[in-house]
Amino acid sequence: MVYETLGLPNRENSSVFIQTYLLGKNSYNPERKRPLVLVIPGGSYNHFGEREREPVAVRMNALGFHAAVLCYSIAPMRFPDALTDLANAVALIRKNAEEWRVDPSKIILCGFSAGGHLAASLGAFWNSSFLKDYVNHTSEEIRPNYLCLSYPVITADEKYCHEESIQNVIGSISKEAGEKICKSLGHTSMRDVVSIEKNVTNDFPPSFIWHTLQDEAVPAKNTLLLADALYEKGIDCEYHLFNRGKHALSLANEESAKADGSHIEKECAVWPELFINWLKPMIS
């Protein structure tokens, strides 16, 4: 295991970094390159859910993937600070792909709640003209190949949104900057810009999505809207809507449970295996 903490370009803030969980080189297949899952924890864009960090990375290692965890810009910030952090992290992984024995065509973003919104945002905007103004990389260098979205924040529609996340991700963006981004994307408001279902293009990555009907923090309508938008564009998507389970389940098993034993839901704990079964035919 190679465990390392790496800072990101243009971020003096030490709270913005990635932590690697790279599987070791073996003697029986020393040249093997593996997919890498970049774990993006949630937390309303104002903190990071500890249960959605290392437990998930270690689980992905057990499934045969390299992993890394991203800690990105959080409030107070301005759009698209967190998005540029994620773009730079993906570019950093590709830059080090040979040394880390990562297959650069198999970089998967695994986002939870607000982290799912961030992952889906890069899925929507990696090839957009507006993002080119904020990152010093080509579109292909920041491209996510696949998404795994766990109970993600998706929409800014006031009927269904997680308002705290939406307010925090837009942040203190200036009127001029906001108008420029809106014009570039054909929108009239920043709420439309951060509504992922309104920004799905043919370049959106294949996506695995799961959610629960009992989620009271981020209503399941968020992922229903995204699944419908992906269907309309013909994007490869597998969507699981479980009946039981509160928000922020993470792995939904003992490894990510709280001290009081909550956030265990056996029905939902199968999601990593469902994700692998969906992904394997595409990466084999």
Protein backbone atom coordinates (compact mmCIF):
# COMPACT_ATOMS: atom_id res chain seq x y z
CA MET A 1 0.00 0.00 0.00
CA VAL A 2 1.26 3.46 -0.92
CA TYR A 3 -0.35 6.05 1.35
CA GLU A 4 0.57 9.64 0.58
CA THR A 5 -0.95 13.10 1.01
CA LEU A 6 -0.49 15.44 -1.95
CA GLY A 7 -1.40 19.10 -2.31
CA LEU A 8 -3.11 20.48 -5.39
CA PRO A 9 -1.94 23.29 -7.71
CA ASN A 10 -2.86 26.87 -6.85
CA ARG A 11 -4.15 25.93 -3.39
CA GLU A 12 -2.15 27.37 -0.53
CA ASN A 13 -4.88 26.08 1.77
CA SER A 14 -3.55 22.89 3.34
CA SER A 15 -7.11 21.55 3.72
CA VAL A 16 -7.26 20.93 -0.06
CA PHE A 17 -5.42 17.70 -0.94
CA ILE A 18 -5.71 14.12 -2.07
CA GLN A 19 -4.72 11.06 -0.07
CA THR A 20 -3.66 8.01 -2.06
CA TYR A 21 -4.46 4.39 -1.24
CA LEU A 22 -2.44 2.66 -3.96
CA LEU A 23 -2.20 -1.10 -4.03
CA GLY A 24 1.33 -2.46 -3.98
CA LYS A 25 3.26 -3.91 -6.88
CA ASN A 26 3.29 -7.69 -7.01
CA SER A 27 5.78 -10.16 -8.48
CA TYR A 28 3.29 -12.26 -10.44
CA ASN A 29 1.98 -9.37 -12.58
CA PRO A 30 4.36 -6.45 -11.97
CA GLU A 31 3.22 -4.37 -14.95
CA ARG A 32 -0.47 -4.52 -14.12
CA LYS A 33 -2.27 -1.18 -14.28
CA ARG A 34 -5.45 -0.86 -12.28
CA PRO A 35 -8.43 1.49 -12.39
CA LEU A 36 -8.43 4.20 -9.71
CA VAL A 37 -11.47 5.25 -7.72
CA LEU A 38 -11.30 8.84 -6.49
CA VAL A 39 -13.53 9.07 -3.41
CA ILE A 40 -15.24 12.44 -2.89
CA PRO A 41 -16.89 12.72 0.54
CA GLY A 42 -19.98 14.77 1.22
CA GLY A 43 -20.73 17.33 3.90
CA SER A 44 -22.91 20.09 2.40
CA TYR A 45 -19.82 21.78 0.95
CA ASN A 46 -18.92 22.95 4.46
CA HIS A 47 -17.23 19.90 6.01
CA PHE A 48 -16.23 16.34 5.08
CA GLY A 49 -18.06 13.22 6.17
CA GLU A 50 -15.38 11.08 7.82
CA ARG A 51 -17.41 7.92 7.22
CA GLU A 52 -17.31 8.58 3.46
CA ARG A 53 -13.52 8.77 3.24
CA GLU A 54 -11.16 5.98 4.33
CA PRO A 55 -13.78 3.22 4.76
CA VAL A 56 -14.79 3.66 1.12
CA ALA A 57 -11.19 3.85 -0.14
CA VAL A 58 -10.29 0.65 1.71
CA ARG A 59 -13.41 -1.08 0.35
CA MET A 60 -12.41 -0.12 -3.19
CA ASN A 61 -8.91 -1.50 -2.53
CA ALA A 62 -10.51 -4.79 -1.48
CA LEU A 63 -12.35 -4.86 -4.80
CA GLY A 64 -9.07 -4.54 -6.69
CA PHE A 65 -8.92 -0.81 -7.35
CA HIS A 66 -6.37 1.80 -6.50
CA ALA A 67 -8.10 4.55 -4.53
CA ALA A 68 -7.62 8.13 -3.44
CA VAL A 69 -9.67 10.56 -1.34
CA LEU A 70 -10.14 14.21 -2.29
CA CYS A 71 -10.60 16.99 0.24
CA TYR A 72 -11.73 19.98 -1.81
CA SER A 73 -12.55 23.64 -1.23
CA ILE A 74 -15.51 24.17 1.08
CA ALA A 75 -17.41 27.20 2.37
CA PRO A 76 -16.60 30.00 2.38
CA MET A 77 -15.66 29.79 -1.28
CA ARG A 78 -16.97 30.77 -4.69
CA PHE A 79 -17.98 28.68 -7.69
CA PRO A 80 -16.16 26.89 -9.30
CA ASP A 81 -13.44 26.51 -6.63
CA ALA A 82 -14.35 22.95 -5.63
CA LEU A 83 -14.82 21.96 -9.26
CA THR A 84 -11.36 23.17 -10.21
CA ASP A 85 -9.93 21.21 -7.26
CA LEU A 86 -11.52 18.05 -8.60
CA ALA A 87 -10.35 18.77 -12.15
CA ASN A 88 -6.81 19.32 -10.90
CA ALA A 89 -6.96 16.10 -8.88
CA VAL A 90 -7.97 14.07 -11.94
CA ALA A 91 -5.17 15.70 -13.96
CA LEU A 92 -2.70 14.88 -11.17
CA ILE A 93 -3.74 11.23 -11.22
CA ARG A 94 -3.27 11.06 -14.99
CA LYS A 95 0.11 12.79 -14.73
CA ASN A 96 1.27 10.13 -12.26
CA ALA A 97 -0.50 7.21 -13.93
CA GLU A 98 2.69 5.47 -15.05
CA GLU A 99 4.40 5.73 -11.66
CA TRP A 100 1.26 4.76 -9.77
CA ARG A 101 0.39 1.94 -12.21
CA VAL A 102 -3.01 3.48 -12.92
CA ASP A 103 -4.85 2.89 -16.18
CA PRO A 104 -5.50 6.51 -17.25
CA SER A 105 -8.59 5.48 -19.20
CA LYS A 106 -10.22 4.08 -16.07
CA ILE A 107 -10.50 6.92 -13.57
CA ILE A 108 -13.74 6.67 -11.61
CA LEU A 109 -15.23 9.39 -9.43
CA CYS A 110 -17.12 8.04 -6.40
CA GLY A 111 -19.03 10.90 -4.78
CA PHE A 112 -21.36 11.01 -1.78
CA SER A 113 -24.09 13.61 -1.21
CA ALA A 114 -22.45 17.01 -1.90
CA GLY A 115 -19.40 15.07 -3.09
CA GLY A 116 -21.72 13.36 -5.54
CA HIS A 117 -22.78 16.77 -6.78
CA LEU A 118 -19.13 17.66 -7.28
CA ALA A 119 -18.42 14.42 -9.16
CA ALA A 120 -21.48 14.93 -11.36
CA SER A 121 -20.43 18.54 -11.97
CA LEU A 122 -17.14 17.43 -13.50
CA GLY A 123 -19.07 14.82 -15.45
CA ALA A 124 -21.18 17.63 -16.88
CA PHE A 125 -18.50 20.28 -17.39
CA TRP A 126 -15.16 18.55 -18.12
CA ASN A 127 -15.49 19.48 -21.81
CA SER A 128 -17.18 22.86 -21.33
CA SER A 129 -15.70 26.13 -22.52
CA PHE A 130 -16.23 27.93 -19.20
CA LEU A 131 -14.08 25.47 -17.22
CA LYS A 132 -11.15 26.09 -19.55
CA ASP A 133 -10.91 29.58 -18.04
CA TYR A 134 -10.23 28.10 -14.60
CA VAL A 135 -7.90 25.12 -15.16
CA ASN A 136 -4.56 24.81 -16.93
CA HIS A 137 -5.24 21.39 -18.38
CA THR A 138 -6.78 20.01 -21.54
CA SER A 139 -10.28 18.59 -21.38
CA GLU A 140 -8.95 15.06 -21.84
CA GLU A 141 -6.60 15.47 -18.88
CA ILE A 142 -9.49 16.25 -16.51
CA ARG A 143 -12.02 13.86 -18.00
CA PRO A 144 -13.67 11.39 -15.60
CA ASN A 145 -14.27 8.05 -17.29
CA TYR A 146 -17.02 6.76 -15.00
CA LEU A 147 -19.12 8.04 -12.11
CA CYS A 148 -20.41 6.29 -9.00
CA LEU A 149 -22.92 8.58 -7.28
CA SER A 150 -24.22 7.78 -3.80
CA TYR A 151 -27.32 9.73 -2.71
CA PRO A 152 -25.97 12.81 -4.56
CA VAL A 153 -27.20 16.38 -4.43
CA ILE A 154 -28.24 17.04 -8.04
CA THR A 155 -30.78 19.81 -8.42
CA ALA A 156 -31.14 23.41 -7.25
CA ASP A 157 -34.90 23.25 -7.77
CA GLU A 158 -36.24 24.67 -4.51
CA LYS A 159 -38.84 21.90 -4.25
CA TYR A 160 -36.24 19.15 -4.03
CA CYS A 161 -32.82 20.63 -3.39
CA HIS A 162 -30.49 20.46 -0.41
CA GLU A 163 -30.41 24.22 -0.01
CA GLU A 164 -27.33 24.41 2.21
CA SER A 165 -25.22 22.59 -0.37
CA ILE A 166 -26.52 24.77 -3.20
CA GLN A 167 -25.84 28.00 -1.32
CA ASN A 168 -22.35 26.85 -0.35
CA VAL A 169 -21.29 25.66 -3.80
CA ILE A 170 -22.38 28.89 -5.50
CA GLY A 171 -20.77 30.86 -2.69
CA SER A 172 -19.68 34.46 -3.10
CA ILE A 173 -19.23 34.44 -6.87
CA SER A 174 -19.28 37.94 -8.33
CA LYS A 175 -22.20 39.06 -10.49
CA GLU A 176 -19.87 39.54 -13.45
CA ALA A 177 -18.32 36.07 -13.14
CA GLY A 178 -21.72 34.46 -12.65
CA GLU A 179 -23.17 36.17 -15.71
CA LYS A 180 -20.20 35.05 -17.81
CA ILE A 181 -20.61 31.42 -16.75
CA CYS A 182 -24.38 31.53 -17.30
CA LYS A 183 -23.93 32.99 -20.78
CA SER A 184 -21.36 30.32 -21.67
CA LEU A 185 -23.76 27.54 -20.68
CA GLY A 186 -26.95 29.14 -21.98
CA HIS A 187 -28.50 29.68 -18.55
CA THR A 188 -30.01 32.70 -16.85
CA SER A 189 -29.10 31.87 -13.24
CA MET A 190 -26.37 30.17 -11.25
CA ARG A 191 -28.99 27.84 -9.78
CA ASP A 192 -29.45 26.44 -13.29
CA VAL A 193 -25.67 26.11 -13.66
CA VAL A 194 -25.42 23.95 -10.53
CA SER A 195 -28.52 21.88 -11.40
CA ILE A 196 -26.78 18.90 -12.95
CA GLU A 197 -29.90 17.55 -14.64
CA LYS A 198 -29.98 20.73 -16.75
CA ASN A 199 -26.38 20.29 -17.90
CA VAL A 200 -26.23 16.70 -19.12
CA THR A 201 -24.61 16.45 -22.56
CA ASN A 202 -23.55 13.58 -24.80
CA ASP A 203 -20.13 13.79 -23.10
CA PHE A 204 -21.48 12.85 -19.66
CA PRO A 205 -19.70 9.72 -18.34
CA PRO A 206 -21.44 6.38 -17.81
CA SER A 207 -22.90 6.52 -14.31
CA PHE A 208 -23.88 4.20 -11.48
CA ILE A 209 -26.33 5.85 -9.07
CA TRP A 210 -27.98 4.73 -5.86
CA HIS A 211 -30.31 6.41 -3.37
CA THR A 212 -33.03 5.61 -0.82
CA LEU A 213 -36.68 6.60 -0.67
CA GLN A 214 -36.35 7.36 3.05
CA ASP A 215 -33.61 9.97 2.54
CA GLU A 216 -35.02 13.12 4.16
CA ALA A 217 -31.94 15.30 3.64
CA VAL A 218 -31.52 14.87 -0.12
CA PRO A 219 -34.83 13.70 -1.61
CA ALA A 220 -34.72 10.82 -4.07
CA LYS A 221 -36.19 13.16 -6.68
CA ASN A 222 -32.61 14.42 -7.15
CA THR A 223 -31.45 11.15 -8.63
CA LEU A 224 -34.70 10.53 -10.47
CA LEU A 225 -34.14 13.82 -12.29
CA LEU A 226 -30.58 12.84 -13.18
CA ALA A 227 -31.49 9.32 -14.29
CA ASP A 228 -34.18 10.76 -16.56
CA ALA A 229 -31.74 13.30 -18.04
CA LEU A 230 -29.20 10.53 -18.70
CA TYR A 231 -31.89 8.38 -20.31
CA GLU A 232 -32.87 11.22 -22.63
CA LYS A 233 -29.25 11.58 -23.79
CA GLY A 234 -28.67 7.84 -24.11
CA ILE A 235 -25.94 7.81 -21.45
CA ASP A 236 -25.08 4.42 -19.95
CA CYS A 237 -26.63 4.42 -16.48
CA GLU A 238 -27.59 1.96 -13.76
CA TYR A 239 -29.88 3.36 -11.06
CA HIS A 240 -30.87 1.70 -7.78
CA LEU A 241 -33.54 3.25 -5.56
CA PHE A 242 -33.69 1.33 -2.29
CA ASN A 243 -36.72 1.61 -0.05
CA ARG A 244 -35.13 1.80 3.40
CA GLY A 245 -32.20 3.87 4.60
CA LYS A 246 -31.46 7.35 5.90
CA HIS A 247 -29.08 9.85 4.33
CA ALA A 248 -25.29 9.42 4.50
CA LEU A 249 -25.21 5.63 4.71
CA SER A 250 -21.72 5.41 3.17
CA LEU A 251 -21.04 1.65 2.92
CA ALA A 252 -24.22 0.98 4.95
CA ASN A 253 -22.41 -1.69 6.97
CA GLU A 254 -20.45 -2.05 10.21
CA GLU A 255 -17.29 -0.54 8.69
CA SER A 256 -18.90 2.86 8.22
CA ALA A 257 -21.51 2.73 10.98
CA LYS A 258 -21.66 5.36 13.71
CA ALA A 259 -20.71 4.52 17.29
CA ASP A 260 -24.37 4.07 18.20
CA GLY A 261 -24.73 1.39 15.53
CA SER A 262 -26.79 3.55 13.20
CA HIS A 263 -26.36 3.89 9.43
CA ILE A 264 -26.38 0.16 8.82
CA GLU A 265 -28.80 -0.98 6.13
CA LYS A 266 -28.19 -4.47 4.78
CA GLU A 267 -30.38 -3.90 1.75
CA CYS A 268 -28.16 -0.99 0.67
CA ALA A 269 -24.82 -2.52 1.70
CA VAL A 270 -24.72 -4.46 -1.57
CA TRP A 271 -24.12 -1.30 -3.60
CA PRO A 272 -20.33 -1.80 -4.05
CA GLU A 273 -20.93 -5.24 -5.59
CA LEU A 274 -23.71 -3.86 -7.80
CA PHE A 275 -21.35 -1.10 -8.89
CA ILE A 276 -18.60 -3.59 -9.76
CA ASN A 277 -21.00 -5.82 -11.70
CA TRP A 278 -22.08 -2.78 -13.72
CA LEU A 279 -18.56 -1.49 -14.30
CA LYS A 280 -16.60 -4.65 -15.11
CA PRO A 281 -17.97 -5.30 -18.62
CA MET A 282 -16.98 -1.75 -19.61
CA ILE A 283 -13.42 -1.89 -18.29
CA SER A 284 -12.50 -5.50 -19.08
